[in-house]
Amino acid sequence: MANTKKIKGVIAILTGGGDVPGLNPAIRAITIRANREGYRVIGLRRGWAGITELLRDEKADNSRNYL
């Protein structure tokens, strides 16, 4: 059956790019909750340059593969 759930909006996750303990679990939790609530989640690469230039790697999108 096709996914007919309407997307409420898009959430972009932007990090500074450095090592931060606990960041991956936090991003995972945000992604799971946002998807459950009907939002699409995207990750922006290369920090602030990623948001100003909207650099995204479609092939790296694995948000559908979380447990």
Protein backbone atom coordinates (compact mmCIF):
# COMPACT_ATOMS: atom_id res chain seq x y z
CA MET A 1 0.00 0.00 0.00
CA ALA A 2 1.32 3.44 -0.89
CA ASN A 3 2.21 5.89 1.83
CA THR A 4 -0.64 8.41 1.67
CA LYS A 5 0.27 10.27 4.84
CA LYS A 6 0.42 14.01 4.18
CA ILE A 7 3.72 15.65 5.07
CA LYS A 8 3.20 18.46 7.60
CA GLY A 9 6.53 20.09 6.88
CA VAL A 10 10.26 19.60 6.59
CA ILE A 11 12.78 19.70 9.44
CA ALA A 12 16.44 20.26 8.59
CA ILE A 13 19.08 19.08 11.04
CA LEU A 14 22.26 21.14 11.00
CA THR A 15 25.29 20.46 13.19
CA GLY A 16 28.64 22.16 13.49
CA GLY A 17 30.46 19.09 12.23
CA GLY A 18 32.64 18.41 15.27
CA ASP A 19 32.63 15.37 17.52
CA VAL A 20 29.91 15.69 20.14
CA PRO A 21 29.08 12.82 22.51
CA GLY A 22 25.43 11.84 22.23
CA LEU A 23 24.72 13.76 19.03
CA ASN A 24 23.93 10.72 16.87
CA PRO A 25 21.33 9.34 19.32
CA ALA A 26 19.78 12.80 19.58
CA ILE A 27 19.53 13.12 15.79
CA ARG A 28 18.09 9.61 15.59
CA ALA A 29 15.44 10.41 18.23
CA ILE A 30 14.47 13.64 16.49
CA THR A 31 14.20 11.83 13.15
CA ILE A 32 12.07 9.01 14.53
CA ARG A 33 9.69 11.37 16.33
CA ALA A 34 9.42 13.81 13.44
CA ASN A 35 8.67 11.02 10.95
CA ARG A 36 6.07 9.59 13.31
CA GLU A 37 4.41 13.02 13.55
CA GLY A 38 4.31 13.44 9.76
CA TYR A 39 7.38 15.57 9.11
CA ARG A 40 10.13 14.91 6.59
CA VAL A 41 13.65 15.20 7.99
CA ILE A 42 16.70 16.19 5.98
CA GLY A 43 20.32 16.49 7.01
CA LEU A 44 22.46 19.35 5.79
CA ARG A 45 26.11 18.67 5.11
CA ARG A 46 29.11 20.96 5.67
CA GLY A 47 27.66 23.05 8.50
CA TRP A 48 26.37 26.53 7.69
CA ALA A 49 27.66 26.28 4.12
CA GLY A 50 25.20 23.45 3.67
CA ILE A 51 22.25 25.62 4.60
CA THR A 52 23.35 28.68 2.63
CA GLU A 53 24.11 26.63 -0.48
CA LEU A 54 21.56 23.87 0.26
CA LEU A 55 24.13 21.14 -0.24
CA ARG A 56 22.43 17.77 0.12
CA ASP A 57 23.46 14.30 -0.87
CA GLU A 58 20.29 12.46 -1.90
CA LYS A 59 22.20 9.16 -2.05
CA ALA A 60 23.19 9.52 1.61
CA ASP A 61 19.58 9.86 2.81
CA ASN A 62 19.01 6.83 4.98
CA SER A 63 16.32 8.22 7.26
CA ARG A 64 14.01 5.40 6.20
CA ASN A 65 16.51 2.81 7.49
CA TYR A 66 16.37 3.59 11.22
CA LEU A 67 15.30 0.91 13.69
